Protein backbone atom coordinates (compact mmCIF):
# COMPACT_ATOMS: atom_id res chain seq x y z
CA MET A 1 -17.47 18.90 -1.48
CA GLN A 2 -13.89 18.48 -0.27
CA PRO A 3 -11.82 15.87 -2.13
CA ILE A 4 -12.14 12.32 -0.81
CA THR A 5 -8.65 10.97 -0.09
CA ALA A 6 -6.99 7.79 1.16
CA SER A 7 -3.31 6.79 1.31
CA LYS A 8 -1.35 3.62 1.95
CA HIS A 9 2.35 2.79 2.29
CA VAL A 10 3.52 -0.16 0.17
CA SER A 11 6.84 -1.84 0.95
CA ALA A 12 8.05 -2.15 -2.63
CA PRO A 13 9.84 0.10 -5.12
CA PRO A 14 7.57 2.73 -6.70
CA GLU A 15 8.21 1.27 -10.16
CA THR A 16 6.83 -2.10 -9.04
CA VAL A 17 3.77 -0.48 -7.47
CA TRP A 18 3.18 1.62 -10.63
CA GLU A 19 3.41 -1.45 -12.85
CA VAL A 20 0.77 -3.27 -10.79
CA MET A 21 -1.59 -0.32 -10.37
CA THR A 22 -1.59 0.43 -14.11
CA ASP A 23 -2.16 -3.19 -15.18
CA PHE A 24 -5.84 -2.57 -15.85
CA GLU A 25 -6.37 -5.94 -17.55
CA SER A 26 -5.69 -7.71 -14.22
CA ALA A 27 -7.36 -5.20 -11.87
CA ALA A 28 -10.35 -7.43 -11.09
CA ASP A 29 -7.94 -10.19 -10.00
CA ARG A 30 -6.30 -7.91 -7.41
CA ILE A 31 -8.99 -5.52 -6.17
CA GLN A 32 -11.85 -7.37 -4.47
CA ALA A 33 -14.48 -4.67 -5.12
CA ILE A 34 -13.84 -4.66 -8.88
CA VAL A 35 -16.15 -7.15 -10.60
CA SER A 36 -14.76 -6.41 -14.07
CA LEU A 37 -12.67 -3.85 -15.88
CA GLU A 38 -12.84 -3.64 -19.66
CA VAL A 39 -10.31 -1.50 -21.53
CA LEU A 40 -12.20 0.13 -24.42
CA THR A 41 -9.25 1.55 -26.37
CA ASP A 42 -6.41 -0.19 -28.21
CA GLY A 43 -2.76 0.00 -27.26
CA PRO A 44 -1.01 0.33 -23.92
CA VAL A 45 -2.69 2.03 -20.98
CA GLY A 46 -1.91 5.75 -20.99
CA LEU A 47 -3.29 9.18 -21.77
CA GLY A 48 -6.65 8.84 -23.50
CA THR A 49 -7.27 5.23 -22.43
CA ARG A 50 -10.96 4.66 -21.83
CA PHE A 51 -12.26 1.82 -19.71
CA ARG A 52 -15.47 0.52 -18.18
CA GLU A 53 -15.25 -0.56 -14.56
CA THR A 54 -17.92 -2.49 -12.69
CA ARG A 55 -17.49 -2.60 -8.93
CA ILE A 56 -19.50 -3.24 -5.81
CA MET A 57 -20.65 0.04 -4.25
CA PHE A 58 -23.30 0.23 -1.54
CA LYS A 59 -23.66 -3.57 -1.83
CA LYS A 60 -24.71 -3.28 -5.48
CA GLU A 61 -22.89 -3.40 -8.80
CA ALA A 62 -22.16 0.00 -10.32
CA THR A 63 -20.60 0.54 -13.74
CA GLU A 64 -18.82 3.70 -14.84
CA GLU A 65 -16.94 4.54 -18.02
CA MET A 66 -13.76 6.50 -17.34
CA GLU A 67 -10.95 8.09 -19.31
CA ILE A 68 -7.34 8.75 -18.33
CA THR A 69 -6.93 12.51 -18.73
CA ALA A 70 -3.45 12.92 -17.21
CA TRP A 71 -0.57 10.42 -17.35
CA ASN A 72 2.74 10.93 -15.57
CA PRO A 73 4.51 7.56 -15.22
CA PRO A 74 5.70 6.32 -12.78
CA ASN A 75 4.16 8.92 -10.45
CA SER A 76 0.50 9.60 -11.21
CA TYR A 77 -2.49 9.34 -13.45
CA THR A 78 -5.91 10.98 -13.41
CA THR A 79 -9.24 9.60 -14.55
CA GLU A 80 -12.46 11.47 -15.22
CA ALA A 81 -16.05 10.28 -15.53
CA ASP A 82 -19.59 11.61 -15.55
CA GLY A 83 -22.39 9.82 -13.73
CA CYS A 84 -25.38 10.39 -11.47
CA GLY A 85 -25.43 14.09 -12.37
CA CYS A 86 -21.81 14.68 -11.31
CA HIS A 87 -18.33 14.94 -12.80
CA TYR A 88 -15.72 12.81 -11.01
CA THR A 89 -11.98 13.45 -11.19
CA THR A 90 -9.75 10.88 -9.50
CA ALA A 91 -5.98 11.29 -9.15
CA ILE A 92 -3.85 8.32 -8.14
CA THR A 93 -0.27 9.05 -7.12
CA CYS A 94 2.66 6.78 -6.37
CA ASP A 95 5.59 8.49 -4.67
CA GLY A 96 8.81 6.90 -3.47
CA ASP A 97 9.35 7.54 0.21
CA GLY A 98 12.75 5.92 0.74
CA ASP A 99 11.15 2.83 2.28
CA GLY A 100 8.87 1.87 -0.57
CA ALA A 101 6.00 3.86 -2.03
CA SER A 102 3.15 5.98 -0.77
CA VAL A 103 0.02 5.51 -2.90
CA THR A 104 -2.78 8.07 -2.64
CA THR A 105 -6.21 8.16 -4.25
CA SER A 106 -8.03 11.50 -4.26
CA MET A 107 -11.42 12.11 -5.87
CA SER A 108 -13.19 15.42 -6.47
CA ILE A 109 -16.90 15.51 -7.26
CA VAL A 110 -18.59 18.42 -9.03
CA PRO A 111 -22.39 18.35 -9.35
CA LEU A 112 -23.53 19.07 -12.92
CA THR A 113 -27.29 18.82 -12.61
CA THR A 114 -29.98 19.74 -10.14
CA PHE A 115 -30.23 16.04 -9.25
CA GLY A 116 -26.47 15.93 -8.59
CA LYS A 117 -26.66 19.01 -6.37
CA ILE A 118 -29.61 17.66 -4.37
CA MET A 119 -28.01 14.24 -3.92
CA GLY A 120 -24.72 15.86 -2.92
CA ALA A 121 -26.45 17.97 -0.29
CA LEU A 122 -28.51 15.07 1.07
CA MET A 123 -25.97 12.27 0.86
CA GLY A 124 -22.58 13.98 0.67
CA TRP A 125 -21.45 12.85 4.12
CA MET A 126 -22.55 9.26 3.46
CA MET A 127 -20.90 9.17 0.04
CA LYS A 128 -17.66 10.58 1.43
CA GLY A 129 -17.50 7.88 4.11
CA ALA A 130 -18.33 5.07 1.69
CA CYS A 131 -15.81 6.29 -0.90
CA THR A 132 -13.07 6.70 1.71
CA LYS A 133 -13.64 3.13 2.91
CA ALA A 134 -13.67 1.85 -0.68
CA PHE A 135 -10.40 3.65 -1.49
CA GLU A 136 -8.79 2.33 1.69
CA LYS A 137 -9.84 -1.24 0.83
CA ASP A 138 -8.62 -0.90 -2.78
CA LEU A 139 -5.26 0.37 -1.55
CA GLU A 140 -5.02 -2.44 1.01
CA ASP A 141 -5.72 -4.98 -1.76
CA LEU A 142 -2.98 -3.37 -3.88
CA LYS A 143 -0.55 -3.45 -0.94
CA VAL A 144 -1.23 -7.13 -0.19
CA PHE A 145 -0.79 -8.10 -3.83
CA VAL A 146 2.43 -6.12 -4.35
CA GLU A 147 3.98 -7.23 -1.06
CA SER A 148 3.17 -10.90 -1.63
CA SER A 149 6.24 -13.07 -2.08
CA ALA A 150 5.62 -13.54 -5.81
CA ASN A 151 5.70 -9.79 -6.44
CA ALA A 152 8.02 -8.43 -3.75
CA GLN A 153 11.36 -6.90 -4.66
CA PRO A 154 13.89 -5.36 -2.34
CA VAL A 155 13.38 -1.67 -1.69
């Protein structure tokens, strides 16, 4: 399956966007689809941080445990998780574009089991559409929060 990708321009300095998008403790307050996010490791968020995220997907709550496997502040981080017979790798980038920041979420899915392969073949197109919409909504929520008057800074 091709990576599932969504991007959004945010009118704020990349450092501000990075700070908000890596504040995992407050994620559920900013992203409507996230019901809860529990950081499972001690210390600041970074390489090796594990967390459990519960979000609304397909109108139901879904919980996944993820780990940050790449950390490149203030530009990108990558999470990985296994679930439903697949391995998920999600890269989130934040690049300055001279007029703020461009934030992109890109997820690759690799089936690990026969179940994962069958589900991917049967529902791949539906999953891609649902994930793209979810990423777009998450990025819109991030944009609205960062650009709100309480968080805005000149670019």
